[in-house]
Amino acid sequence: MFTGIIEDLGTVIKIDKKNITINTLLDDIKIGDSVSINGSCLTAIKIEKLTKNEFQITFDVSEETLKRTNLGKLKVGDRVNLERAMKADGRFGGHFVNGHVEATGKILSIKRLANSEVWEFSNPEDLSVYIVEKGSIAIDGISLTIAEKSPTSFKVSLIPHTLKNTTLGIKKAGEAINLETDILSKYVLQRSESRGITKEKLKKAGYL
């Protein structure tokens, strides 16, 4: 389980159909640990200490993950969002993120304001029911709040800190992003459906 609070921007050193190797400043990752890479949970299988503060970590990755996420588009030198799995006694700052990417979307537009930016992303229509205004969503592993939504897109507002400390600061319109909707939204909807409140009824009433 993760929180969507990015801890480091790693650099891709090597990538093939089985492994991804990344340089990072994160210093307490052990073999077998789970790490979120652009929102996809991967397992560390090899760790090499390069300097006092820099480590090179290799992760297992399946062909299915490369196909269904934007990890398959990574090249040597690309930056990636990294977050270690949440500790039981750790602080909780974002929202519950499983590290299971549900789909990819694209950056549709970027609107720069005085001290923030409004970004619009596309999403598959079948995910729309779980995307709720003022609710949470993980984009490339980053916990963000949804400002507006339509059936096939949504908008978020980004502050300078987020742009500086995540890969969004170097992305452009048209690029692919990983999406994971809020697990709590799924639980609420499943609970509602068990009581006879269906997606169709919610749409008809104007809630979706």
N, C-alpha and C. Protein backbone atom coordinates (compact mmCIF):
# COMPACT_ATOMS: atom_id res chain seq x y z
N MET A 1 0.84 -1.19 0.00
CA MET A 1 0.00 0.00 0.00
C MET A 1 0.88 1.25 0.00
N PHE A 2 0.46 2.25 -0.75
CA PHE A 2 1.20 3.50 -0.87
C PHE A 2 0.27 4.68 -0.55
N THR A 3 0.84 5.88 -0.52
CA THR A 3 0.04 7.06 -0.19
C THR A 3 -0.07 8.06 -1.33
N GLY A 4 0.74 7.89 -2.36
CA GLY A 4 0.72 8.85 -3.46
C GLY A 4 1.57 10.08 -3.21
N ILE A 5 2.39 10.04 -2.16
CA ILE A 5 3.33 11.14 -1.88
C ILE A 5 4.70 10.72 -2.42
N ILE A 6 5.16 11.34 -3.49
CA ILE A 6 6.39 10.93 -4.15
C ILE A 6 7.60 11.29 -3.28
N GLU A 7 8.51 10.30 -3.13
CA GLU A 7 9.68 10.49 -2.27
C GLU A 7 10.94 10.84 -3.03
N ASP A 8 11.02 10.43 -4.29
CA ASP A 8 12.24 10.70 -5.06
C ASP A 8 11.93 10.61 -6.55
N LEU A 9 12.68 11.35 -7.34
CA LEU A 9 12.65 11.20 -8.79
C LEU A 9 13.85 10.35 -9.18
N GLY A 10 13.59 9.12 -9.60
CA GLY A 10 14.67 8.23 -10.01
C GLY A 10 14.97 8.40 -11.49
N THR A 11 16.10 7.83 -11.92
CA THR A 11 16.52 7.89 -13.32
C THR A 11 16.66 6.48 -13.87
N VAL A 12 16.05 6.22 -15.01
CA VAL A 12 16.13 4.89 -15.64
C VAL A 12 17.53 4.69 -16.21
N ILE A 13 18.19 3.60 -15.77
CA ILE A 13 19.54 3.27 -16.24
C ILE A 13 19.50 2.18 -17.30
N LYS A 14 18.55 1.24 -17.12
CA LYS A 14 18.42 0.13 -18.06
C LYS A 14 16.99 -0.38 -18.01
N ILE A 15 16.46 -0.80 -19.15
CA ILE A 15 15.12 -1.38 -19.18
C ILE A 15 15.05 -2.41 -20.30
N ASP A 16 14.45 -3.57 -19.99
CA ASP A 16 14.20 -4.59 -21.00
C ASP A 16 12.87 -5.25 -20.69
N LYS A 17 12.59 -6.41 -21.27
CA LYS A 17 11.30 -7.05 -21.09
C LYS A 17 11.14 -7.72 -19.73
N LYS A 18 12.21 -7.78 -18.93
CA LYS A 18 12.15 -8.45 -17.64
C LYS A 18 12.44 -7.54 -16.45
N ASN A 19 13.27 -6.52 -16.67
CA ASN A 19 13.74 -5.71 -15.55
C ASN A 19 13.80 -4.23 -15.88
N ILE A 20 13.71 -3.42 -14.82
CA ILE A 20 13.98 -1.99 -14.90
C ILE A 20 15.02 -1.67 -13.83
N THR A 21 16.08 -0.98 -14.23
CA THR A 21 17.12 -0.58 -13.28
C THR A 21 17.09 0.94 -13.16
N ILE A 22 17.07 1.40 -11.90
CA ILE A 22 16.88 2.82 -11.62
C ILE A 22 17.89 3.32 -10.60
N ASN A 23 18.42 4.51 -10.82
CA ASN A 23 19.24 5.19 -9.82
C ASN A 23 18.34 6.03 -8.93
N THR A 24 18.59 5.97 -7.60
CA THR A 24 17.75 6.69 -6.66
C THR A 24 18.55 7.08 -5.42
N LEU A 25 18.03 8.07 -4.70
CA LEU A 25 18.62 8.48 -3.43
C LEU A 25 17.96 7.78 -2.24
N LEU A 26 16.89 7.02 -2.49
CA LEU A 26 16.22 6.30 -1.40
C LEU A 26 17.16 5.25 -0.84
N ASP A 27 17.37 5.29 0.48
CA ASP A 27 18.48 4.53 1.06
C ASP A 27 18.09 3.32 1.91
N ASP A 28 16.82 3.04 2.10
CA ASP A 28 16.48 1.90 2.97
C ASP A 28 15.61 0.87 2.26
N ILE A 29 15.80 0.73 0.96
CA ILE A 29 15.09 -0.31 0.21
C ILE A 29 15.90 -1.60 0.28
N LYS A 30 15.20 -2.70 0.55
CA LYS A 30 15.84 -4.01 0.64
C LYS A 30 15.30 -4.92 -0.45
N ILE A 31 16.06 -5.97 -0.76
CA ILE A 31 15.60 -6.95 -1.75
C ILE A 31 14.28 -7.54 -1.28
N GLY A 32 13.32 -7.58 -2.18
CA GLY A 32 11.98 -8.07 -1.85
C GLY A 32 11.00 -6.97 -1.50
N ASP A 33 11.49 -5.75 -1.30
CA ASP A 33 10.60 -4.63 -0.97
C ASP A 33 9.78 -4.20 -2.19
N SER A 34 8.59 -3.70 -1.91
CA SER A 34 7.73 -3.15 -2.96
C SER A 34 7.96 -1.65 -3.09
N VAL A 35 8.07 -1.19 -4.31
CA VAL A 35 8.27 0.23 -4.59
C VAL A 35 7.32 0.63 -5.72
N SER A 36 6.68 1.77 -5.57
CA SER A 36 5.82 2.30 -6.63
C SER A 36 6.68 3.08 -7.61
N ILE A 37 6.64 2.65 -8.88
CA ILE A 37 7.35 3.34 -9.95
C ILE A 37 6.31 3.86 -10.92
N ASN A 38 6.13 5.16 -10.95
CA ASN A 38 5.06 5.78 -11.75
C ASN A 38 3.71 5.16 -11.44
N GLY A 39 3.52 4.78 -10.17
CA GLY A 39 2.24 4.25 -9.74
C GLY A 39 2.08 2.75 -9.89
N SER A 40 3.08 2.07 -10.43
CA SER A 40 3.03 0.62 -10.60
C SER A 40 3.91 -0.05 -9.55
N CYS A 41 3.33 -0.96 -8.77
CA CYS A 41 4.06 -1.63 -7.69
C CYS A 41 4.99 -2.70 -8.25
N LEU A 42 6.30 -2.52 -8.04
CA LEU A 42 7.30 -3.48 -8.50
C LEU A 42 8.15 -3.95 -7.33
N THR A 43 8.81 -5.10 -7.50
CA THR A 43 9.61 -5.70 -6.44
C THR A 43 11.10 -5.56 -6.73
N ALA A 44 11.85 -5.08 -5.73
CA ALA A 44 13.30 -4.92 -5.87
C ALA A 44 13.98 -6.28 -5.81
N ILE A 45 14.86 -6.57 -6.78
CA ILE A 45 15.54 -7.87 -6.81
C ILE A 45 17.06 -7.74 -6.71
N LYS A 46 17.59 -6.53 -6.90
CA LYS A 46 19.03 -6.32 -6.81
C LYS A 46 19.31 -4.88 -6.41
N ILE A 47 20.24 -4.70 -5.47
CA ILE A 47 20.56 -3.35 -4.99
C ILE A 47 22.08 -3.18 -4.98
N GLU A 48 22.54 -2.08 -5.56
CA GLU A 48 23.96 -1.77 -5.59
C GLU A 48 24.17 -0.35 -5.07
N LYS A 49 25.06 -0.20 -4.10
CA LYS A 49 25.36 1.12 -3.56
C LYS A 49 26.43 1.77 -4.43
N LEU A 50 26.10 2.90 -5.05
CA LEU A 50 27.02 3.58 -5.95
C LEU A 50 27.91 4.56 -5.21
N THR A 51 27.30 5.39 -4.36
CA THR A 51 28.02 6.35 -3.53
C THR A 51 27.36 6.34 -2.16
N LYS A 52 27.79 7.25 -1.31
CA LYS A 52 27.21 7.32 0.03
C LYS A 52 25.71 7.54 -0.02
N ASN A 53 25.25 8.31 -1.00
CA ASN A 53 23.84 8.69 -1.04
C ASN A 53 23.08 8.20 -2.27
N GLU A 54 23.73 7.43 -3.14
CA GLU A 54 23.07 7.01 -4.38
C GLU A 54 23.09 5.50 -4.52
N PHE A 55 21.95 4.96 -4.97
CA PHE A 55 21.80 3.51 -5.10
C PHE A 55 21.25 3.18 -6.48
N GLN A 56 21.64 2.00 -6.97
CA GLN A 56 21.11 1.49 -8.23
C GLN A 56 20.29 0.24 -7.91
N ILE A 57 19.01 0.28 -8.24
CA ILE A 57 18.10 -0.80 -7.86
C ILE A 57 17.45 -1.38 -9.11
N THR A 58 17.44 -2.72 -9.17
CA THR A 58 16.81 -3.42 -10.28
C THR A 58 15.50 -4.04 -9.80
N PHE A 59 14.47 -3.89 -10.62
CA PHE A 59 13.13 -4.39 -10.29
C PHE A 59 12.67 -5.39 -11.34
N ASP A 60 11.95 -6.41 -10.89
CA ASP A 60 11.26 -7.30 -11.82
C ASP A 60 10.10 -6.55 -12.46
N VAL A 61 9.86 -6.80 -13.73
CA VAL A 61 8.69 -6.22 -14.40
C VAL A 61 8.18 -7.21 -15.44
N SER A 62 6.89 -7.40 -15.49
CA SER A 62 6.31 -8.35 -16.43
C SER A 62 6.00 -7.67 -17.76
N GLU A 63 5.91 -8.47 -18.82
CA GLU A 63 5.54 -7.92 -20.13
C GLU A 63 4.14 -7.31 -20.08
N GLU A 64 3.26 -7.90 -19.25
CA GLU A 64 1.90 -7.38 -19.12
C GLU A 64 1.92 -5.97 -18.53
N THR A 65 2.78 -5.75 -17.50
CA THR A 65 2.90 -4.42 -16.90
C THR A 65 3.44 -3.41 -17.91
N LEU A 66 4.44 -3.82 -18.67
CA LEU A 66 5.01 -2.93 -19.68
C LEU A 66 3.97 -2.57 -20.74
N LYS A 67 3.09 -3.52 -21.04
CA LYS A 67 2.07 -3.30 -22.07
C LYS A 67 0.93 -2.41 -21.58
N ARG A 68 0.53 -2.58 -20.31
CA ARG A 68 -0.67 -1.92 -19.80
C ARG A 68 -0.39 -0.60 -19.08
N THR A 69 0.89 -0.23 -18.90
CA THR A 69 1.24 1.01 -18.22
C THR A 69 2.21 1.81 -19.09
N ASN A 70 2.52 3.02 -18.65
CA ASN A 70 3.48 3.81 -19.43
C ASN A 70 4.93 3.41 -19.16
N LEU A 71 5.14 2.40 -18.31
CA LEU A 71 6.51 1.91 -18.10
C LEU A 71 7.08 1.35 -19.40
N GLY A 72 6.21 0.82 -20.25
CA GLY A 72 6.67 0.27 -21.53
C GLY A 72 7.19 1.33 -22.49
N LYS A 73 6.92 2.59 -22.20
CA LYS A 73 7.39 3.69 -23.05
C LYS A 73 8.67 4.33 -22.52
N LEU A 74 9.15 3.85 -21.36
CA LEU A 74 10.33 4.45 -20.76
C LEU A 74 11.59 4.18 -21.58
N LYS A 75 12.51 5.14 -21.53
CA LYS A 75 13.81 5.01 -22.18
C LYS A 75 14.90 5.32 -21.15
N VAL A 76 16.10 4.88 -21.45
CA VAL A 76 17.24 5.19 -20.58
C VAL A 76 17.36 6.71 -20.43
N GLY A 77 17.49 7.16 -19.20
CA GLY A 77 17.61 8.60 -18.92
C GLY A 77 16.31 9.24 -18.48
N ASP A 78 15.17 8.55 -18.69
CA ASP A 78 13.89 9.10 -18.26
C ASP A 78 13.80 9.15 -16.74
N ARG A 79 13.05 10.12 -16.22
CA ARG A 79 12.82 10.23 -14.79
C ARG A 79 11.51 9.53 -14.43
N VAL A 80 11.46 8.96 -13.22
CA VAL A 80 10.26 8.25 -12.76
C VAL A 80 9.96 8.63 -11.31
N ASN A 81 8.67 8.60 -10.97
CA ASN A 81 8.24 8.85 -9.59
C ASN A 81 8.44 7.60 -8.75
N LEU A 82 9.05 7.77 -7.58
CA LEU A 82 9.31 6.64 -6.68
C LEU A 82 8.68 6.88 -5.31
N GLU A 83 8.07 5.82 -4.78
CA GLU A 83 7.56 5.85 -3.41
C GLU A 83 7.70 4.47 -2.80
N ARG A 84 8.28 4.41 -1.61
CA ARG A 84 8.37 3.13 -0.88
C ARG A 84 7.01 2.78 -0.29
N ALA A 85 6.78 1.48 -0.08
CA ALA A 85 5.52 1.04 0.53
C ALA A 85 5.36 1.68 1.91
N MET A 86 4.12 2.02 2.25
CA MET A 86 3.83 2.69 3.51
C MET A 86 4.07 1.75 4.69
N LYS A 87 4.75 2.24 5.72
CA LYS A 87 4.95 1.47 6.94
C LYS A 87 3.70 1.54 7.82
N ALA A 88 3.49 0.50 8.61
CA ALA A 88 2.29 0.44 9.47
C ALA A 88 2.22 1.63 10.42
N ASP A 89 3.39 2.11 10.87
CA ASP A 89 3.41 3.23 11.82
C ASP A 89 3.81 4.54 11.15
N GLY A 90 3.77 4.56 9.81
CA GLY A 90 4.18 5.75 9.08
C GLY A 90 3.09 6.79 9.02
N ARG A 91 3.47 8.01 8.63
CA ARG A 91 2.51 9.09 8.48
C ARG A 91 1.76 8.91 7.17
N PHE A 92 0.49 9.30 7.18
CA PHE A 92 -0.36 9.13 6.00
C PHE A 92 -0.72 10.50 5.44
N GLY A 93 -0.17 10.81 4.26
CA GLY A 93 -0.35 12.17 3.76
C GLY A 93 -1.21 12.31 2.52
N GLY A 94 -1.40 11.24 1.75
CA GLY A 94 -2.18 11.35 0.51
C GLY A 94 -3.48 10.59 0.62
N HIS A 95 -3.62 9.51 -0.17
CA HIS A 95 -4.77 8.62 -0.05
C HIS A 95 -4.28 7.19 -0.31
N PHE A 96 -5.11 6.20 -0.03
CA PHE A 96 -4.70 4.81 -0.21
C PHE A 96 -4.50 4.50 -1.70
N VAL A 97 -3.28 4.11 -2.05
CA VAL A 97 -2.93 3.76 -3.43
C VAL A 97 -2.40 2.33 -3.43
N ASN A 98 -2.99 1.46 -4.23
CA ASN A 98 -2.58 0.06 -4.26
C ASN A 98 -1.31 -0.18 -5.06
N GLY A 99 -1.07 0.66 -6.04
CA GLY A 99 0.05 0.40 -6.94
C GLY A 99 -0.35 -0.52 -8.08
N HIS A 100 -1.66 -0.64 -8.34
CA HIS A 100 -2.19 -1.45 -9.44
C HIS A 100 -2.80 -0.50 -10.47
N VAL A 101 -2.05 -0.21 -11.51
CA VAL A 101 -2.51 0.72 -12.54
C VAL A 101 -3.71 0.12 -13.26
N GLU A 102 -4.79 0.89 -13.35
CA GLU A 102 -6.02 0.40 -13.98
C GLU A 102 -6.07 0.69 -15.47
N ALA A 103 -5.47 1.78 -15.87
CA ALA A 103 -5.51 2.19 -17.27
C ALA A 103 -4.51 3.31 -17.49
N THR A 104 -4.31 3.65 -18.74
CA THR A 104 -3.51 4.83 -19.06
C THR A 104 -4.41 5.88 -19.69
N GLY A 105 -4.02 7.13 -19.51
CA GLY A 105 -4.71 8.24 -20.15
C GLY A 105 -3.67 9.12 -20.81
N LYS A 106 -4.09 10.27 -21.29
CA LYS A 106 -3.16 11.21 -21.90
C LYS A 106 -3.36 12.61 -21.32
N ILE A 107 -2.30 13.39 -21.34
CA ILE A 107 -2.40 14.79 -20.95
C ILE A 107 -3.03 15.54 -22.11
N LEU A 108 -4.22 16.08 -21.89
CA LEU A 108 -4.95 16.77 -22.95
C LEU A 108 -4.58 18.23 -23.07
N SER A 109 -4.41 18.89 -21.93
CA SER A 109 -4.10 20.32 -21.97
C SER A 109 -3.46 20.76 -20.66
N ILE A 110 -2.71 21.85 -20.73
CA ILE A 110 -2.07 22.45 -19.56
C ILE A 110 -2.34 23.95 -19.59
N LYS A 111 -3.01 24.45 -18.56
CA LYS A 111 -3.32 25.88 -18.47
C LYS A 111 -2.55 26.48 -17.31
N ARG A 112 -1.66 27.41 -17.61
CA ARG A 112 -0.83 28.02 -16.58
C ARG A 112 -1.52 29.26 -16.00
N LEU A 113 -1.62 29.29 -14.66
CA LEU A 113 -2.21 30.42 -13.96
C LEU A 113 -1.12 31.13 -13.17
N ALA A 114 -1.49 32.08 -12.33
CA ALA A 114 -0.51 32.88 -11.59
C ALA A 114 0.39 32.03 -10.71
N ASN A 115 -0.21 31.14 -9.89
CA ASN A 115 0.60 30.34 -8.97
C ASN A 115 0.19 28.87 -8.98
N SER A 116 -0.36 28.44 -10.08
CA SER A 116 -0.75 27.03 -10.21
C SER A 116 -0.97 26.72 -11.69
N GLU A 117 -1.24 25.47 -11.97
CA GLU A 117 -1.55 25.05 -13.33
C GLU A 117 -2.76 24.12 -13.29
N VAL A 118 -3.63 24.22 -14.27
CA VAL A 118 -4.77 23.31 -14.39
C VAL A 118 -4.49 22.36 -15.55
N TRP A 119 -4.44 21.06 -15.23
CA TRP A 119 -4.15 20.04 -16.23
C TRP A 119 -5.40 19.22 -16.49
N GLU A 120 -5.64 18.90 -17.75
CA GLU A 120 -6.75 18.02 -18.11
C GLU A 120 -6.19 16.71 -18.66
N PHE A 121 -6.75 15.60 -18.18
CA PHE A 121 -6.31 14.27 -18.58
C PHE A 121 -7.49 13.49 -19.16
N SER A 122 -7.20 12.62 -20.12
CA SER A 122 -8.24 11.73 -20.62
C SER A 122 -8.31 10.48 -19.74
N ASN A 123 -9.46 9.85 -19.73
CA ASN A 123 -9.63 8.58 -19.01
C ASN A 123 -10.60 7.69 -19.77
N PRO A 124 -10.42 6.36 -19.69
CA PRO A 124 -11.40 5.45 -20.29
C PRO A 124 -12.77 5.68 -19.64
N GLU A 125 -13.82 5.62 -20.43
CA GLU A 125 -15.15 5.95 -19.92
C GLU A 125 -15.58 5.01 -18.80
N ASP A 126 -15.09 3.74 -18.82
CA ASP A 126 -15.52 2.81 -17.77
C ASP A 126 -14.93 3.15 -16.41
N LEU A 127 -13.92 4.02 -16.37
CA LEU A 127 -13.36 4.46 -15.08
C LEU A 127 -14.10 5.67 -14.52
N SER A 128 -14.90 6.32 -15.35
CA SER A 128 -15.53 7.58 -14.97
C SER A 128 -16.38 7.47 -13.71
N VAL A 129 -17.01 6.32 -13.52
CA VAL A 129 -17.88 6.14 -12.36
C VAL A 129 -17.11 6.23 -11.05
N TYR A 130 -15.80 5.95 -11.09
CA TYR A 130 -14.97 6.00 -9.88
C TYR A 130 -14.24 7.34 -9.73
N ILE A 131 -14.39 8.22 -10.71
CA ILE A 131 -13.73 9.52 -10.67
C ILE A 131 -14.74 10.55 -10.18
N VAL A 132 -14.49 11.09 -9.00
CA VAL A 132 -15.47 11.95 -8.33
C VAL A 132 -14.86 13.33 -8.07
N GLU A 133 -15.59 14.38 -8.40
CA GLU A 133 -15.10 15.73 -8.11
C GLU A 133 -14.82 15.90 -6.63
N LYS A 134 -13.67 16.47 -6.32
CA LYS A 134 -13.14 16.66 -4.96
C LYS A 134 -12.64 15.36 -4.35
N GLY A 135 -12.72 14.27 -5.12
CA GLY A 135 -12.17 12.99 -4.67
C GLY A 135 -10.71 12.86 -5.09
N SER A 136 -10.12 11.71 -4.80
CA SER A 136 -8.69 11.50 -5.09
C SER A 136 -8.49 10.57 -6.28
N ILE A 137 -7.34 10.73 -6.92
CA ILE A 137 -6.92 9.84 -8.00
C ILE A 137 -5.40 9.83 -8.02
N ALA A 138 -4.81 8.70 -8.42
CA ALA A 138 -3.35 8.61 -8.54
C ALA A 138 -2.98 8.72 -10.01
N ILE A 139 -2.16 9.71 -10.33
CA ILE A 139 -1.65 9.91 -11.69
C ILE A 139 -0.15 9.68 -11.66
N ASP A 140 0.31 8.63 -12.34
CA ASP A 140 1.72 8.25 -12.27
C ASP A 140 2.17 8.10 -10.82
N GLY A 141 1.25 7.61 -9.97
CA GLY A 141 1.57 7.38 -8.57
C GLY A 141 1.42 8.58 -7.67
N ILE A 142 1.03 9.74 -8.23
CA ILE A 142 0.90 10.97 -7.45
C ILE A 142 -0.54 11.13 -6.98
N SER A 143 -0.73 11.33 -5.68
CA SER A 143 -2.06 11.55 -5.14
C SER A 143 -2.52 12.97 -5.46
N LEU A 144 -3.61 13.09 -6.22
CA LEU A 144 -4.12 14.39 -6.63
C LEU A 144 -5.63 14.47 -6.40
N THR A 145 -6.13 15.69 -6.30
CA THR A 145 -7.56 15.93 -6.08
C THR A 145 -8.22 16.35 -7.39
N ILE A 146 -9.35 15.72 -7.69
CA ILE A 146 -10.07 15.99 -8.93
C ILE A 146 -10.87 17.29 -8.79
N ALA A 147 -10.66 18.22 -9.71
CA ALA A 147 -11.36 19.51 -9.67
C ALA A 147 -12.64 19.48 -10.49
N GLU A 148 -12.56 18.89 -11.68
CA GLU A 148 -13.72 18.78 -12.57
C GLU A 148 -13.64 17.44 -13.29
N LYS A 149 -14.79 16.97 -13.79
CA LYS A 149 -14.79 15.73 -14.55
C LYS A 149 -15.86 15.74 -15.63
N SER A 150 -15.62 14.93 -16.65
CA SER A 150 -16.62 14.61 -17.67
C SER A 150 -16.52 13.10 -17.86
N PRO A 151 -17.35 12.49 -18.69
CA PRO A 151 -17.26 11.03 -18.85
C PRO A 151 -15.90 10.52 -19.33
N THR A 152 -15.17 11.33 -20.09
CA THR A 152 -13.91 10.84 -20.66
C THR A 152 -12.70 11.70 -20.32
N SER A 153 -12.86 12.63 -19.38
CA SER A 153 -11.71 13.45 -18.97
C SER A 153 -11.96 14.05 -17.60
N PHE A 154 -10.88 14.55 -17.00
CA PHE A 154 -10.99 15.22 -15.71
C PHE A 154 -9.85 16.23 -15.59
N LYS A 155 -10.02 17.18 -14.65
CA LYS A 155 -9.01 18.21 -14.44
C LYS A 155 -8.52 18.20 -13.00
N VAL A 156 -7.24 18.56 -12.84
CA VAL A 156 -6.67 18.74 -11.50
C VAL A 156 -5.89 20.05 -11.49
N SER A 157 -5.74 20.61 -10.31
CA SER A 157 -4.95 21.82 -10.13
C SER A 157 -3.62 21.44 -9.49
N LEU A 158 -2.52 21.88 -10.10
CA LEU A 158 -1.19 21.52 -9.61
C LEU A 158 -0.47 22.75 -9.07
N ILE A 159 0.10 22.60 -7.88
CA ILE A 159 0.87 23.67 -7.27
C ILE A 159 2.35 23.53 -7.65
N PRO A 160 3.15 24.59 -7.51
CA PRO A 160 4.56 24.52 -7.88
C PRO A 160 5.33 23.39 -7.21
N HIS A 161 5.02 23.08 -5.93
CA HIS A 161 5.73 22.01 -5.23
C HIS A 161 5.56 20.67 -5.94
N THR A 162 4.33 20.37 -6.37
CA THR A 162 4.07 19.11 -7.07
C THR A 162 4.81 19.06 -8.40
N LEU A 163 4.80 20.15 -9.12
CA LEU A 163 5.49 20.20 -10.41
C LEU A 163 7.00 20.05 -10.25
N LYS A 164 7.54 20.60 -9.18
CA LYS A 164 8.99 20.54 -8.94
C LYS A 164 9.44 19.16 -8.49
N ASN A 165 8.61 18.46 -7.75
CA ASN A 165 9.05 17.22 -7.10
C ASN A 165 8.48 15.95 -7.71
N THR A 166 7.83 16.05 -8.86
CA THR A 166 7.31 14.87 -9.56
C THR A 166 7.61 15.00 -11.06
N THR A 167 7.35 13.93 -11.78
CA THR A 167 7.61 13.95 -13.23
C THR A 167 6.64 14.85 -13.99
N LEU A 168 5.55 15.27 -13.36
CA LEU A 168 4.63 16.16 -14.06
C LEU A 168 5.31 17.46 -14.47
N GLY A 169 6.33 17.84 -13.72
CA GLY A 169 7.05 19.07 -14.04
C GLY A 169 7.81 19.02 -15.34
N ILE A 170 8.02 17.81 -15.89
CA ILE A 170 8.76 17.67 -17.15
C ILE A 170 7.92 17.03 -18.25
N LYS A 171 6.64 16.78 -17.96
CA LYS A 171 5.77 16.18 -18.97
C LYS A 171 5.11 17.25 -19.83
N LYS A 172 4.63 16.82 -21.00
CA LYS A 172 3.99 17.73 -21.94
C LYS A 172 2.66 17.16 -22.40
N ALA A 173 1.84 18.01 -22.98
CA ALA A 173 0.55 17.56 -23.53
C ALA A 173 0.78 16.46 -24.56
N GLY A 174 -0.08 15.44 -24.50
CA GLY A 174 0.02 14.31 -25.41
C GLY A 174 0.70 13.10 -24.83
N GLU A 175 1.43 13.27 -23.72
CA GLU A 175 2.13 12.14 -23.11
C GLU A 175 1.18 11.26 -22.32
N ALA A 176 1.54 9.98 -22.21
CA ALA A 176 0.71 9.00 -21.50
C ALA A 176 0.97 9.05 -20.00
N ILE A 177 -0.10 8.83 -19.23
CA ILE A 177 0.02 8.78 -17.77
C ILE A 177 -0.73 7.55 -17.25
N ASN A 178 -0.25 7.02 -16.11
CA ASN A 178 -0.90 5.88 -15.47
C ASN A 178 -2.01 6.37 -14.54
N LEU A 179 -3.11 5.64 -14.51
CA LEU A 179 -4.26 6.01 -13.69
C LEU A 179 -4.63 4.90 -12.72
N GLU A 180 -4.87 5.29 -11.47
CA GLU A 180 -5.47 4.39 -10.48
C GLU A 180 -6.51 5.19 -9.70
N THR A 181 -7.76 4.78 -9.79
CA THR A 181 -8.82 5.49 -9.08
C THR A 181 -8.80 5.13 -7.60
N ASP A 182 -9.49 5.93 -6.82
CA ASP A 182 -9.51 5.78 -5.36
C ASP A 182 -10.24 4.50 -4.96
N ILE A 183 -9.57 3.65 -4.21
CA ILE A 183 -10.16 2.39 -3.78
C ILE A 183 -11.41 2.61 -2.93
N LEU A 184 -11.45 3.72 -2.20
CA LEU A 184 -12.63 4.00 -1.37
C LEU A 184 -13.86 4.27 -2.24
N SER A 185 -13.65 4.88 -3.41
CA SER A 185 -14.76 5.10 -4.33
C SER A 185 -15.35 3.77 -4.79
N LYS A 186 -14.48 2.79 -5.01
CA LYS A 186 -14.96 1.47 -5.44
C LYS A 186 -15.77 0.81 -4.34
N TYR A 187 -15.27 0.90 -3.10
CA TYR A 187 -15.98 0.28 -1.98
C TYR A 187 -17.36 0.92 -1.78
N VAL A 188 -17.41 2.25 -1.89
CA VAL A 188 -18.69 2.95 -1.72
C VAL A 188 -19.67 2.53 -2.79
N LEU A 189 -19.20 2.44 -4.05
CA LEU A 189 -20.09 2.06 -5.14
C LEU A 189 -20.57 0.62 -4.99
N GLN A 190 -19.66 -0.28 -4.61
CA GLN A 190 -20.05 -1.68 -4.42
C GLN A 190 -21.07 -1.80 -3.29
N ARG A 191 -20.86 -1.04 -2.23
CA ARG A 191 -21.78 -1.04 -1.10
C ARG A 191 -23.15 -0.52 -1.53
N SER A 192 -23.14 0.53 -2.33
CA SER A 192 -24.40 1.12 -2.81
C SER A 192 -25.14 0.14 -3.70
N GLU A 193 -24.40 -0.55 -4.59
CA GLU A 193 -25.04 -1.50 -5.50
C GLU A 193 -25.65 -2.67 -4.75
N SER A 194 -25.02 -3.06 -3.63
CA SER A 194 -25.57 -4.16 -2.83
C SER A 194 -26.90 -3.76 -2.19
N ARG A 195 -27.14 -2.45 -2.12
CA ARG A 195 -28.40 -1.95 -1.55
C ARG A 195 -29.38 -1.54 -2.65
N GLY A 196 -29.05 -1.90 -3.88
CA GLY A 196 -29.96 -1.61 -4.99
C GLY A 196 -29.74 -0.28 -5.66
N ILE A 197 -28.67 0.43 -5.26
CA ILE A 197 -28.35 1.72 -5.89
C ILE A 197 -27.32 1.44 -6.99
N THR A 198 -27.73 1.43 -8.24
CA THR A 198 -26.87 1.06 -9.35
C THR A 198 -26.20 2.29 -9.98
N LYS A 199 -25.20 2.02 -10.84
CA LYS A 199 -24.53 3.10 -11.58
C LYS A 199 -25.55 3.86 -12.44
N GLU A 200 -26.47 3.09 -13.06
CA GLU A 200 -27.46 3.71 -13.93
C GLU A 200 -28.36 4.67 -13.15
N LYS A 201 -28.77 4.26 -11.94
CA LYS A 201 -29.63 5.12 -11.12
C LYS A 201 -28.89 6.38 -10.68
N LEU A 202 -27.61 6.22 -10.35
CA LEU A 202 -26.81 7.38 -9.93
C LEU A 202 -26.63 8.36 -11.09
N LYS A 203 -26.40 7.82 -12.30
CA LYS A 203 -26.25 8.68 -13.48
C LYS A 203 -27.56 9.42 -13.77
N LYS A 204 -28.68 8.70 -13.66
CA LYS A 204 -29.98 9.30 -13.94
C LYS A 204 -30.29 10.43 -12.95
N ALA A 205 -29.81 10.26 -11.71
CA ALA A 205 -30.05 11.28 -10.69
C ALA A 205 -29.06 12.44 -10.77
N GLY A 206 -28.07 12.29 -11.66
CA GLY A 206 -27.11 13.38 -11.86
C GLY A 206 -25.89 13.34 -10.97
N TYR A 207 -25.66 12.19 -10.27
CA TYR A 207 -24.51 12.11 -9.38
C TYR A 207 -23.24 11.70 -10.12
N LEU A 208 -23.36 11.09 -11.29
CA LEU A 208 -22.20 10.64 -12.04
C LEU A 208 -22.14 11.33 -13.40
